N, C-alpha and C. Protein backbone atom coordinates (compact mmCIF):
# COMPACT_ATOMS: atom_id res chain seq x y z
N MET A 1 0.85 -1.20 0.00
CA MET A 1 0.00 0.00 0.00
C MET A 1 0.88 1.24 0.00
N GLU A 2 0.57 2.20 -0.85
CA GLU A 2 1.36 3.41 -0.97
C GLU A 2 1.20 4.30 0.27
N THR A 3 2.31 4.82 0.75
CA THR A 3 2.28 5.74 1.89
C THR A 3 2.12 7.16 1.39
N VAL A 4 1.13 7.88 1.92
CA VAL A 4 0.89 9.26 1.53
C VAL A 4 1.43 10.17 2.61
N ILE A 5 2.32 11.09 2.24
CA ILE A 5 2.88 12.05 3.19
C ILE A 5 2.32 13.43 2.88
N HIS A 6 1.65 14.02 3.85
CA HIS A 6 1.02 15.32 3.65
C HIS A 6 1.93 16.43 4.12
N ASN A 7 1.84 17.58 3.45
CA ASN A 7 2.49 18.77 3.97
C ASN A 7 1.80 19.20 5.26
N ARG A 8 2.57 19.66 6.23
CA ARG A 8 2.00 20.13 7.49
C ARG A 8 2.23 21.62 7.62
N CYS A 9 1.20 22.31 8.07
CA CYS A 9 1.30 23.75 8.24
C CYS A 9 2.47 24.12 9.14
N LEU A 10 2.71 23.33 10.15
CA LEU A 10 3.74 23.64 11.13
C LEU A 10 5.14 23.62 10.54
N GLU A 11 5.31 22.92 9.43
CA GLU A 11 6.65 22.76 8.87
C GLU A 11 7.28 24.09 8.49
N SER A 12 6.49 25.02 7.94
CA SER A 12 7.05 26.31 7.54
C SER A 12 7.57 27.09 8.74
N ALA A 13 6.85 27.01 9.87
CA ALA A 13 7.31 27.70 11.07
C ALA A 13 8.58 27.07 11.61
N LEU A 14 8.65 25.74 11.56
CA LEU A 14 9.84 25.05 12.06
C LEU A 14 11.06 25.34 11.20
N ARG A 15 10.87 25.61 9.93
CA ARG A 15 11.98 25.90 9.03
C ARG A 15 12.38 27.37 9.03
N SER A 16 11.59 28.22 9.64
CA SER A 16 11.86 29.65 9.60
C SER A 16 13.02 30.01 10.52
N GLU A 17 13.48 31.25 10.40
CA GLU A 17 14.59 31.74 11.23
C GLU A 17 14.11 32.25 12.57
N ILE A 18 12.81 32.19 12.83
CA ILE A 18 12.26 32.73 14.07
C ILE A 18 12.90 32.07 15.28
N SER A 19 13.12 30.76 15.20
CA SER A 19 13.65 30.01 16.33
C SER A 19 15.14 29.72 16.19
N ALA A 20 15.82 30.48 15.35
CA ALA A 20 17.26 30.27 15.19
C ALA A 20 17.95 30.43 16.54
N GLY A 21 18.81 29.50 16.86
CA GLY A 21 19.51 29.56 18.14
C GLY A 21 18.74 28.94 19.28
N LYS A 22 17.49 28.50 19.03
CA LYS A 22 16.68 27.85 20.06
C LYS A 22 16.53 26.36 19.75
N VAL A 23 16.35 25.57 20.79
CA VAL A 23 15.96 24.18 20.60
C VAL A 23 14.49 24.15 20.21
N ARG A 24 14.16 23.45 19.15
CA ARG A 24 12.76 23.32 18.74
C ARG A 24 12.22 22.00 19.29
N ILE A 25 11.15 22.09 20.07
CA ILE A 25 10.54 20.88 20.63
C ILE A 25 9.15 20.73 20.05
N ILE A 26 8.90 19.60 19.39
CA ILE A 26 7.59 19.33 18.79
C ILE A 26 6.85 18.35 19.69
N PHE A 27 5.76 18.82 20.29
CA PHE A 27 4.93 17.95 21.12
C PHE A 27 3.69 17.55 20.34
N GLY A 28 3.16 16.38 20.66
CA GLY A 28 1.94 15.92 20.02
C GLY A 28 1.60 14.50 20.44
N ALA A 29 0.34 14.16 20.30
CA ALA A 29 -0.10 12.81 20.66
C ALA A 29 0.46 11.79 19.68
N ARG A 30 0.30 10.51 20.02
CA ARG A 30 0.75 9.46 19.12
C ARG A 30 0.01 9.52 17.80
N GLN A 31 0.71 9.15 16.74
CA GLN A 31 0.14 9.03 15.40
C GLN A 31 -0.30 10.37 14.81
N THR A 32 0.23 11.47 15.31
CA THR A 32 -0.08 12.76 14.69
C THR A 32 0.94 13.14 13.62
N GLY A 33 2.03 12.39 13.53
CA GLY A 33 2.99 12.63 12.46
C GLY A 33 4.27 13.31 12.91
N LYS A 34 4.60 13.24 14.20
CA LYS A 34 5.81 13.93 14.68
C LYS A 34 7.08 13.36 14.05
N THR A 35 7.17 12.04 14.00
CA THR A 35 8.39 11.41 13.46
C THR A 35 8.54 11.70 11.98
N VAL A 36 7.45 11.62 11.23
CA VAL A 36 7.49 11.92 9.80
C VAL A 36 7.93 13.36 9.58
N LEU A 37 7.37 14.29 10.37
CA LEU A 37 7.73 15.69 10.24
C LEU A 37 9.20 15.90 10.58
N LEU A 38 9.68 15.25 11.63
CA LEU A 38 11.08 15.38 12.01
C LEU A 38 12.00 14.90 10.89
N ARG A 39 11.63 13.79 10.25
CA ARG A 39 12.46 13.27 9.16
C ARG A 39 12.45 14.18 7.94
N ARG A 40 11.33 14.84 7.72
CA ARG A 40 11.28 15.81 6.62
C ARG A 40 12.19 17.00 6.89
N LEU A 41 12.25 17.41 8.15
CA LEU A 41 13.08 18.56 8.52
C LEU A 41 14.57 18.23 8.46
N LEU A 42 14.92 16.98 8.77
CA LEU A 42 16.32 16.57 8.85
C LEU A 42 16.60 15.51 7.79
N ASN A 43 16.51 15.90 6.55
CA ASN A 43 16.58 14.90 5.47
C ASN A 43 17.78 15.10 4.56
N ASP A 44 18.85 15.75 5.08
CA ASP A 44 20.03 15.91 4.23
C ASP A 44 21.29 15.53 4.99
N GLU A 45 22.42 15.67 4.33
CA GLU A 45 23.69 15.19 4.90
C GLU A 45 24.20 16.08 6.02
N THR A 46 23.55 17.22 6.27
CA THR A 46 23.99 18.09 7.37
C THR A 46 23.22 17.79 8.66
N SER A 47 22.42 16.73 8.66
CA SER A 47 21.56 16.43 9.80
C SER A 47 21.84 15.03 10.34
N GLU A 48 21.63 14.88 11.64
CA GLU A 48 21.78 13.59 12.31
C GLU A 48 20.51 13.33 13.11
N LEU A 49 19.92 12.15 12.97
CA LEU A 49 18.69 11.80 13.68
C LEU A 49 18.98 10.68 14.68
N ILE A 50 18.60 10.92 15.93
CA ILE A 50 18.76 9.92 17.00
C ILE A 50 17.37 9.45 17.40
N ASN A 51 17.11 8.17 17.18
CA ASN A 51 15.78 7.62 17.41
C ASN A 51 15.77 6.82 18.70
N LEU A 52 15.08 7.33 19.71
CA LEU A 52 15.05 6.64 21.01
C LEU A 52 14.07 5.47 21.03
N GLN A 53 13.45 5.18 19.88
CA GLN A 53 12.70 3.94 19.76
C GLN A 53 13.65 2.75 19.64
N ASP A 54 14.89 3.02 19.30
CA ASP A 54 15.91 1.98 19.22
C ASP A 54 16.22 1.53 20.64
N SER A 55 15.77 0.34 21.00
CA SER A 55 15.84 -0.10 22.39
C SER A 55 17.28 -0.24 22.90
N SER A 56 18.20 -0.72 22.06
CA SER A 56 19.58 -0.87 22.52
C SER A 56 20.22 0.48 22.79
N LEU A 57 19.99 1.43 21.90
CA LEU A 57 20.51 2.78 22.10
C LEU A 57 19.88 3.42 23.33
N ARG A 58 18.56 3.23 23.46
CA ARG A 58 17.86 3.82 24.61
C ARG A 58 18.41 3.30 25.93
N ARG A 59 18.64 2.00 26.01
CA ARG A 59 19.17 1.43 27.25
C ARG A 59 20.55 1.98 27.58
N ARG A 60 21.39 2.14 26.55
CA ARG A 60 22.73 2.71 26.78
C ARG A 60 22.65 4.13 27.32
N LEU A 61 21.75 4.92 26.76
CA LEU A 61 21.64 6.32 27.18
C LEU A 61 20.95 6.44 28.54
N GLU A 62 20.05 5.51 28.84
CA GLU A 62 19.44 5.51 30.17
C GLU A 62 20.47 5.22 31.25
N SER A 63 21.38 4.30 30.96
CA SER A 63 22.38 3.93 31.96
C SER A 63 23.49 4.98 32.07
N ASP A 64 23.73 5.72 30.98
CA ASP A 64 24.78 6.73 30.99
C ASP A 64 24.39 7.88 30.06
N PRO A 65 23.59 8.85 30.54
CA PRO A 65 23.16 9.95 29.68
C PRO A 65 24.33 10.76 29.10
N SER A 66 25.47 10.77 29.79
CA SER A 66 26.61 11.54 29.28
C SER A 66 27.14 10.98 27.96
N GLU A 67 26.79 9.72 27.64
CA GLU A 67 27.20 9.17 26.34
C GLU A 67 26.61 9.97 25.19
N PHE A 68 25.41 10.55 25.43
CA PHE A 68 24.79 11.39 24.40
C PHE A 68 25.70 12.56 24.04
N THR A 69 26.24 13.21 25.05
CA THR A 69 27.14 14.35 24.80
C THR A 69 28.37 13.90 24.03
N ARG A 70 28.92 12.76 24.39
CA ARG A 70 30.08 12.25 23.66
C ARG A 70 29.73 11.93 22.21
N MET A 71 28.53 11.38 21.99
CA MET A 71 28.08 11.09 20.62
C MET A 71 28.00 12.37 19.79
N ILE A 72 27.42 13.40 20.38
CA ILE A 72 27.23 14.65 19.64
C ILE A 72 28.58 15.30 19.34
N LYS A 73 29.46 15.30 20.31
CA LYS A 73 30.77 15.92 20.10
C LYS A 73 31.60 15.18 19.07
N ALA A 74 31.31 13.88 18.88
CA ALA A 74 32.05 13.07 17.92
C ALA A 74 31.50 13.17 16.49
N LEU A 75 30.39 13.88 16.31
CA LEU A 75 29.79 13.99 14.98
C LEU A 75 30.71 14.77 14.04
N PRO A 76 30.66 14.48 12.75
CA PRO A 76 31.48 15.24 11.79
C PRO A 76 31.13 16.73 11.82
N GLY A 77 32.09 17.54 11.46
CA GLY A 77 31.88 18.99 11.47
C GLY A 77 30.83 19.47 10.49
N THR A 78 30.47 18.61 9.52
CA THR A 78 29.45 19.00 8.53
C THR A 78 28.04 18.95 9.09
N ILE A 79 27.86 18.31 10.25
CA ILE A 79 26.52 18.19 10.84
C ILE A 79 26.14 19.51 11.49
N ARG A 80 24.97 20.05 11.09
CA ARG A 80 24.49 21.33 11.62
C ARG A 80 23.22 21.18 12.44
N GLN A 81 22.48 20.09 12.23
CA GLN A 81 21.23 19.87 12.95
C GLN A 81 21.22 18.47 13.55
N VAL A 82 20.68 18.37 14.77
CA VAL A 82 20.54 17.06 15.42
C VAL A 82 19.09 16.91 15.86
N GLY A 83 18.47 15.82 15.45
CA GLY A 83 17.11 15.52 15.87
C GLY A 83 17.09 14.38 16.87
N VAL A 84 16.23 14.48 17.87
CA VAL A 84 16.04 13.40 18.84
C VAL A 84 14.56 13.07 18.87
N ASP A 85 14.22 11.87 18.43
CA ASP A 85 12.82 11.44 18.39
C ASP A 85 12.45 10.75 19.70
N GLU A 86 11.30 11.12 20.26
CA GLU A 86 10.76 10.51 21.49
C GLU A 86 11.62 10.84 22.72
N ILE A 87 11.90 12.12 22.91
CA ILE A 87 12.77 12.55 24.01
C ILE A 87 12.20 12.15 25.37
N GLN A 88 10.88 11.96 25.48
CA GLN A 88 10.29 11.60 26.77
C GLN A 88 10.74 10.23 27.25
N LYS A 89 11.30 9.42 26.35
CA LYS A 89 11.75 8.08 26.75
C LYS A 89 13.03 8.14 27.59
N VAL A 90 13.84 9.19 27.39
CA VAL A 90 15.05 9.38 28.21
C VAL A 90 15.13 10.87 28.55
N PRO A 91 14.29 11.35 29.45
CA PRO A 91 14.24 12.80 29.73
C PRO A 91 15.54 13.35 30.29
N GLU A 92 16.40 12.49 30.84
CA GLU A 92 17.69 12.96 31.35
C GLU A 92 18.55 13.58 30.25
N LEU A 93 18.26 13.25 29.00
CA LEU A 93 19.03 13.81 27.90
C LEU A 93 18.82 15.30 27.76
N LEU A 94 17.73 15.82 28.31
CA LEU A 94 17.50 17.26 28.23
C LEU A 94 18.58 18.04 28.98
N ASP A 95 19.10 17.47 30.07
CA ASP A 95 20.21 18.13 30.77
C ASP A 95 21.45 18.14 29.90
N GLU A 96 21.67 17.04 29.18
CA GLU A 96 22.83 16.99 28.28
C GLU A 96 22.67 17.99 27.13
N ILE A 97 21.46 18.11 26.62
CA ILE A 97 21.21 19.06 25.54
C ILE A 97 21.42 20.49 26.03
N GLN A 98 20.99 20.79 27.25
CA GLN A 98 21.23 22.14 27.79
C GLN A 98 22.74 22.43 27.86
N TYR A 99 23.49 21.45 28.32
CA TYR A 99 24.95 21.63 28.38
C TYR A 99 25.51 21.91 26.99
N LEU A 100 25.07 21.13 25.99
CA LEU A 100 25.57 21.30 24.63
C LEU A 100 25.16 22.65 24.04
N VAL A 101 23.93 23.07 24.34
CA VAL A 101 23.46 24.37 23.84
C VAL A 101 24.25 25.50 24.47
N ASP A 102 24.48 25.41 25.77
CA ASP A 102 25.20 26.48 26.45
C ASP A 102 26.66 26.54 26.00
N GLU A 103 27.24 25.38 25.73
CA GLU A 103 28.63 25.34 25.25
C GLU A 103 28.67 25.69 23.77
N ASN A 104 28.03 24.91 22.97
CA ASN A 104 27.69 25.09 21.55
C ASN A 104 28.66 25.92 20.70
N PRO A 105 29.93 25.58 20.64
CA PRO A 105 30.83 26.34 19.76
C PRO A 105 30.54 26.08 18.28
N ARG A 106 29.87 24.95 17.98
CA ARG A 106 29.58 24.60 16.59
C ARG A 106 28.27 25.21 16.09
N GLY A 107 27.48 25.75 16.99
CA GLY A 107 26.20 26.30 16.58
C GLY A 107 25.20 25.26 16.14
N LEU A 108 25.23 24.07 16.74
CA LEU A 108 24.29 23.01 16.38
C LEU A 108 22.86 23.42 16.72
N GLN A 109 21.93 23.04 15.85
CA GLN A 109 20.51 23.23 16.10
C GLN A 109 19.91 21.88 16.49
N PHE A 110 19.13 21.88 17.59
CA PHE A 110 18.48 20.66 18.04
C PHE A 110 16.98 20.74 17.76
N VAL A 111 16.44 19.63 17.25
CA VAL A 111 14.99 19.50 17.05
C VAL A 111 14.57 18.22 17.76
N LEU A 112 13.63 18.33 18.70
CA LEU A 112 13.21 17.19 19.51
C LEU A 112 11.73 16.92 19.29
N THR A 113 11.31 15.68 19.48
CA THR A 113 9.89 15.37 19.54
C THR A 113 9.57 14.71 20.88
N GLY A 114 8.37 14.93 21.36
CA GLY A 114 7.94 14.33 22.61
C GLY A 114 6.43 14.29 22.68
N SER A 115 5.90 13.50 23.59
CA SER A 115 4.46 13.30 23.64
C SER A 115 3.74 14.42 24.39
N SER A 116 4.34 14.95 25.46
CA SER A 116 3.61 15.91 26.29
C SER A 116 4.57 16.67 27.20
N ALA A 117 4.46 18.01 27.17
CA ALA A 117 5.26 18.83 28.08
C ALA A 117 4.84 18.61 29.52
N ARG A 118 3.54 18.42 29.74
CA ARG A 118 3.06 18.24 31.12
C ARG A 118 3.59 16.94 31.72
N LYS A 119 3.66 15.89 30.89
CA LYS A 119 4.20 14.62 31.39
C LYS A 119 5.67 14.77 31.76
N LEU A 120 6.43 15.49 30.94
CA LEU A 120 7.83 15.70 31.24
C LEU A 120 8.00 16.51 32.51
N ARG A 121 7.17 17.55 32.67
CA ARG A 121 7.25 18.34 33.90
C ARG A 121 6.90 17.48 35.11
N GLY A 122 5.98 16.53 34.93
CA GLY A 122 5.61 15.64 36.03
C GLY A 122 6.78 14.79 36.50
N HIS A 123 7.76 14.58 35.62
CA HIS A 123 8.96 13.83 35.99
C HIS A 123 10.13 14.77 36.31
N SER A 124 9.79 16.04 36.54
CA SER A 124 10.80 17.06 36.86
C SER A 124 11.85 17.18 35.76
N ALA A 125 11.45 16.95 34.52
CA ALA A 125 12.39 17.05 33.41
C ALA A 125 12.73 18.51 33.13
N ASN A 126 13.91 18.72 32.62
CA ASN A 126 14.39 20.04 32.25
C ASN A 126 13.83 20.41 30.88
N LEU A 127 12.90 21.37 30.82
CA LEU A 127 12.30 21.78 29.55
C LEU A 127 13.04 22.96 28.92
N LEU A 128 14.29 23.15 29.33
CA LEU A 128 15.18 24.11 28.69
C LEU A 128 14.63 25.53 28.69
N PRO A 129 14.25 26.06 29.86
CA PRO A 129 13.69 27.41 29.90
C PRO A 129 14.66 28.44 29.33
N GLY A 130 14.12 29.29 28.46
CA GLY A 130 14.93 30.32 27.83
C GLY A 130 15.77 29.82 26.67
N ARG A 131 15.79 28.52 26.44
CA ARG A 131 16.63 27.95 25.39
C ARG A 131 15.80 27.25 24.32
N ALA A 132 14.50 27.10 24.52
CA ALA A 132 13.69 26.28 23.61
C ALA A 132 12.40 26.99 23.23
N HIS A 133 11.93 26.67 22.05
CA HIS A 133 10.58 27.03 21.61
C HIS A 133 9.79 25.75 21.43
N GLN A 134 8.58 25.74 21.93
CA GLN A 134 7.73 24.55 21.86
C GLN A 134 6.68 24.72 20.77
N PHE A 135 6.51 23.65 19.99
CA PHE A 135 5.49 23.59 18.94
C PHE A 135 4.57 22.42 19.25
N HIS A 136 3.28 22.57 18.91
CA HIS A 136 2.32 21.48 19.15
C HIS A 136 1.72 21.04 17.82
N LEU A 137 1.85 19.74 17.55
CA LEU A 137 1.33 19.16 16.31
C LEU A 137 0.04 18.43 16.61
N TYR A 138 -1.00 18.78 15.88
CA TYR A 138 -2.32 18.17 16.07
C TYR A 138 -2.68 17.34 14.84
N PRO A 139 -3.76 16.55 14.91
CA PRO A 139 -4.11 15.70 13.76
C PRO A 139 -4.35 16.50 12.49
N LEU A 140 -4.21 15.82 11.36
CA LEU A 140 -4.46 16.44 10.06
C LEU A 140 -5.85 17.03 9.99
N ILE A 141 -5.94 18.20 9.35
CA ILE A 141 -7.26 18.74 9.02
C ILE A 141 -7.37 18.81 7.50
N ARG A 142 -8.52 19.21 7.02
CA ARG A 142 -8.81 19.11 5.59
C ARG A 142 -7.80 19.87 4.74
N GLY A 143 -7.42 21.07 5.15
CA GLY A 143 -6.48 21.86 4.36
C GLY A 143 -5.13 21.20 4.22
N GLU A 144 -4.73 20.41 5.22
CA GLU A 144 -3.45 19.71 5.14
C GLU A 144 -3.56 18.43 4.34
N GLU A 145 -4.73 17.80 4.35
CA GLU A 145 -4.93 16.59 3.55
C GLU A 145 -4.91 16.90 2.06
N ASP A 146 -5.38 18.10 1.71
CA ASP A 146 -5.38 18.54 0.32
C ASP A 146 -4.42 19.73 0.23
N ASP A 147 -3.23 19.52 -0.38
CA ASP A 147 -2.22 20.58 -0.42
C ASP A 147 -2.74 21.86 -1.04
N ARG A 148 -3.77 21.76 -1.90
CA ARG A 148 -4.31 22.95 -2.53
C ARG A 148 -5.03 23.83 -1.52
N GLY A 149 -5.39 23.23 -0.37
CA GLY A 149 -6.08 24.02 0.65
C GLY A 149 -5.16 24.63 1.67
N MET A 150 -3.83 24.42 1.53
CA MET A 150 -2.89 24.92 2.51
C MET A 150 -2.92 26.44 2.60
N HIS A 151 -3.21 27.12 1.47
CA HIS A 151 -3.17 28.58 1.49
C HIS A 151 -4.25 29.17 2.38
N SER A 152 -5.30 28.38 2.69
CA SER A 152 -6.41 28.90 3.49
C SER A 152 -6.19 28.72 4.98
N ILE A 153 -5.07 28.06 5.35
CA ILE A 153 -4.81 27.82 6.77
C ILE A 153 -3.92 28.91 7.31
N GLU A 154 -4.29 29.48 8.43
CA GLU A 154 -3.44 30.49 9.07
C GLU A 154 -2.35 29.77 9.84
N CYS A 155 -1.13 29.82 9.30
CA CYS A 155 -0.02 29.13 9.92
C CYS A 155 0.67 30.03 10.93
N PRO A 156 1.27 29.44 11.97
CA PRO A 156 1.99 30.23 12.95
C PRO A 156 3.17 30.92 12.32
N SER A 157 3.40 32.18 12.67
CA SER A 157 4.51 32.90 12.05
C SER A 157 5.26 33.77 13.03
N ALA A 158 4.96 33.71 14.31
CA ALA A 158 5.65 34.57 15.26
C ALA A 158 5.84 33.85 16.58
N VAL A 159 6.93 34.21 17.25
CA VAL A 159 7.21 33.62 18.55
C VAL A 159 6.20 34.10 19.57
N GLY A 160 5.78 33.21 20.45
CA GLY A 160 4.83 33.58 21.49
C GLY A 160 3.52 32.86 21.31
N SER A 161 2.56 33.17 22.16
CA SER A 161 1.29 32.45 22.16
C SER A 161 0.22 33.21 21.39
N GLY A 162 0.58 34.29 20.69
CA GLY A 162 -0.43 35.10 20.00
C GLY A 162 -1.19 34.32 18.96
N PHE A 163 -0.52 33.41 18.26
CA PHE A 163 -1.21 32.63 17.23
C PHE A 163 -2.34 31.82 17.83
N ALA A 164 -2.05 31.16 18.95
CA ALA A 164 -3.09 30.36 19.60
C ALA A 164 -4.24 31.24 20.04
N GLU A 165 -3.91 32.42 20.58
CA GLU A 165 -4.97 33.32 21.06
C GLU A 165 -5.84 33.78 19.90
N ARG A 166 -5.21 34.14 18.75
CA ARG A 166 -6.00 34.61 17.61
C ARG A 166 -6.88 33.50 17.08
N SER A 167 -6.34 32.28 17.00
CA SER A 167 -7.10 31.17 16.44
C SER A 167 -8.28 30.82 17.33
N LEU A 168 -8.05 30.81 18.65
CA LEU A 168 -9.13 30.47 19.57
C LEU A 168 -10.19 31.55 19.61
N ALA A 169 -9.81 32.76 19.19
CA ALA A 169 -10.77 33.85 19.16
C ALA A 169 -11.70 33.75 17.96
N GLY A 170 -11.41 32.84 17.02
CA GLY A 170 -12.36 32.63 15.94
C GLY A 170 -11.77 32.55 14.56
N ARG A 171 -10.48 32.82 14.37
CA ARG A 171 -9.90 32.69 13.04
C ARG A 171 -9.69 31.22 12.71
N SER A 172 -9.52 30.95 11.42
CA SER A 172 -9.40 29.56 10.97
C SER A 172 -8.12 28.95 11.51
N PRO A 173 -8.22 27.97 12.41
CA PRO A 173 -7.01 27.37 12.98
C PRO A 173 -6.54 26.19 12.16
N SER A 174 -5.26 25.93 12.21
CA SER A 174 -4.75 24.72 11.59
C SER A 174 -4.66 23.64 12.65
N GLY A 175 -4.33 22.44 12.20
CA GLY A 175 -4.17 21.35 13.14
C GLY A 175 -2.83 21.40 13.84
N SER A 176 -2.01 22.39 13.54
CA SER A 176 -0.72 22.50 14.19
C SER A 176 -0.59 23.88 14.79
N ALA A 177 -0.20 23.95 16.05
CA ALA A 177 -0.18 25.23 16.74
C ALA A 177 1.18 25.49 17.35
N PHE A 178 1.59 26.76 17.30
CA PHE A 178 2.85 27.15 17.89
C PHE A 178 2.59 27.72 19.27
N VAL A 179 3.42 27.37 20.23
CA VAL A 179 3.24 27.81 21.61
C VAL A 179 4.48 28.55 22.05
N SER A 180 4.38 29.36 23.07
CA SER A 180 5.49 30.19 23.51
C SER A 180 6.64 29.36 24.06
N ASP A 181 7.75 30.05 24.34
CA ASP A 181 8.92 29.34 24.84
C ASP A 181 8.89 29.18 26.35
N SER A 182 7.80 29.56 27.00
CA SER A 182 7.76 29.46 28.45
C SER A 182 7.56 28.03 28.94
N GLY A 183 6.93 27.19 28.08
CA GLY A 183 6.65 25.81 28.49
C GLY A 183 5.50 25.73 29.46
N ARG A 184 4.71 26.80 29.59
CA ARG A 184 3.62 26.79 30.55
C ARG A 184 2.30 27.18 29.87
N GLN A 185 1.98 26.47 28.84
CA GLN A 185 0.72 26.70 28.14
C GLN A 185 -0.43 26.39 29.08
N PRO A 186 -1.38 27.30 29.27
CA PRO A 186 -2.50 27.01 30.16
C PRO A 186 -3.26 25.78 29.73
N VAL A 187 -3.76 25.01 30.70
CA VAL A 187 -4.50 23.79 30.40
C VAL A 187 -5.72 24.09 29.56
N LYS A 188 -6.37 25.23 29.83
CA LYS A 188 -7.59 25.55 29.08
C LYS A 188 -7.27 25.71 27.58
N TYR A 189 -6.07 26.26 27.22
CA TYR A 189 -5.69 26.35 25.82
C TYR A 189 -5.54 24.96 25.23
N SER A 190 -4.87 24.06 25.98
CA SER A 190 -4.65 22.72 25.48
C SER A 190 -5.97 22.01 25.22
N MET A 191 -6.92 22.11 26.16
CA MET A 191 -8.20 21.44 26.00
C MET A 191 -8.99 22.03 24.86
N ARG A 192 -8.95 23.35 24.70
CA ARG A 192 -9.70 23.98 23.62
C ARG A 192 -9.10 23.62 22.27
N TRP A 193 -7.77 23.53 22.20
CA TRP A 193 -7.15 23.11 20.95
C TRP A 193 -7.52 21.69 20.60
N ARG A 194 -7.64 20.83 21.60
CA ARG A 194 -8.05 19.45 21.32
C ARG A 194 -9.46 19.42 20.75
N ARG A 195 -10.34 20.28 21.29
CA ARG A 195 -11.71 20.33 20.75
C ARG A 195 -11.70 20.83 19.31
N VAL A 196 -10.83 21.85 19.02
CA VAL A 196 -10.73 22.36 17.65
C VAL A 196 -10.30 21.25 16.71
N ALA A 197 -9.25 20.50 17.11
CA ALA A 197 -8.75 19.41 16.27
C ALA A 197 -9.80 18.33 16.07
N PHE A 198 -10.54 18.00 17.15
CA PHE A 198 -11.57 16.96 17.05
C PHE A 198 -12.68 17.39 16.12
N CYS A 199 -13.08 18.65 16.22
CA CYS A 199 -14.13 19.15 15.32
C CYS A 199 -13.65 19.13 13.86
N SER A 200 -12.36 19.43 13.66
CA SER A 200 -11.82 19.38 12.30
C SER A 200 -11.86 17.96 11.76
N MET A 201 -11.57 16.99 12.62
CA MET A 201 -11.61 15.60 12.18
C MET A 201 -13.03 15.18 11.83
N LEU A 202 -14.00 15.62 12.62
CA LEU A 202 -15.40 15.33 12.31
C LEU A 202 -15.82 15.94 11.00
N GLU A 203 -15.36 17.19 10.78
CA GLU A 203 -15.70 17.88 9.53
C GLU A 203 -15.16 17.11 8.34
N ALA A 204 -13.92 16.62 8.45
CA ALA A 204 -13.31 15.90 7.34
C ALA A 204 -14.00 14.57 7.07
N ALA A 205 -14.65 14.02 8.09
CA ALA A 205 -15.28 12.70 7.94
C ALA A 205 -16.69 12.80 7.36
N THR A 206 -17.23 14.00 7.31
CA THR A 206 -18.60 14.17 6.82
C THR A 206 -18.64 14.54 5.35
């Protein structure tokens, strides 16, 4: 069966210079397309992808998180971006990433995916305050399923929570939302965004 890969509204924001110098963290529920989006972003020879679904690698990093730092420092000088898929599986790596970002003589850009900021905070994980921008990926909506409809979706284009506020106030929202770098999105925003995404899914099914 042929695999269909859709363009995501969030991709343009993730590729922009708005978050240059920041760690980009993509949060979203399972099966929303975080891994596919991450691979689209890091699909050339200047990128390195670390997949924590790899159980042997995950166990090594769980037993010694500092190995992650050694791995990154050993990368060829041509590597400019590093992606880490499923960061919630080894949240201790966030401390290593902070160290690398603060040291960062190479100017590496990190892009991470994870299931939930609230779950990570529940484990006292380091969400890189002041060093990261958080993005939230929601299920596909009609405009993303049909690339011709992408122009009608208001995509996030600025740092901060203004996009979410404008969309919740009544403008056409996409299934992907950008959130501020504070890591403290109010629960009411999260719940309302879930309702928006669910309604979009119902609309697409009718």
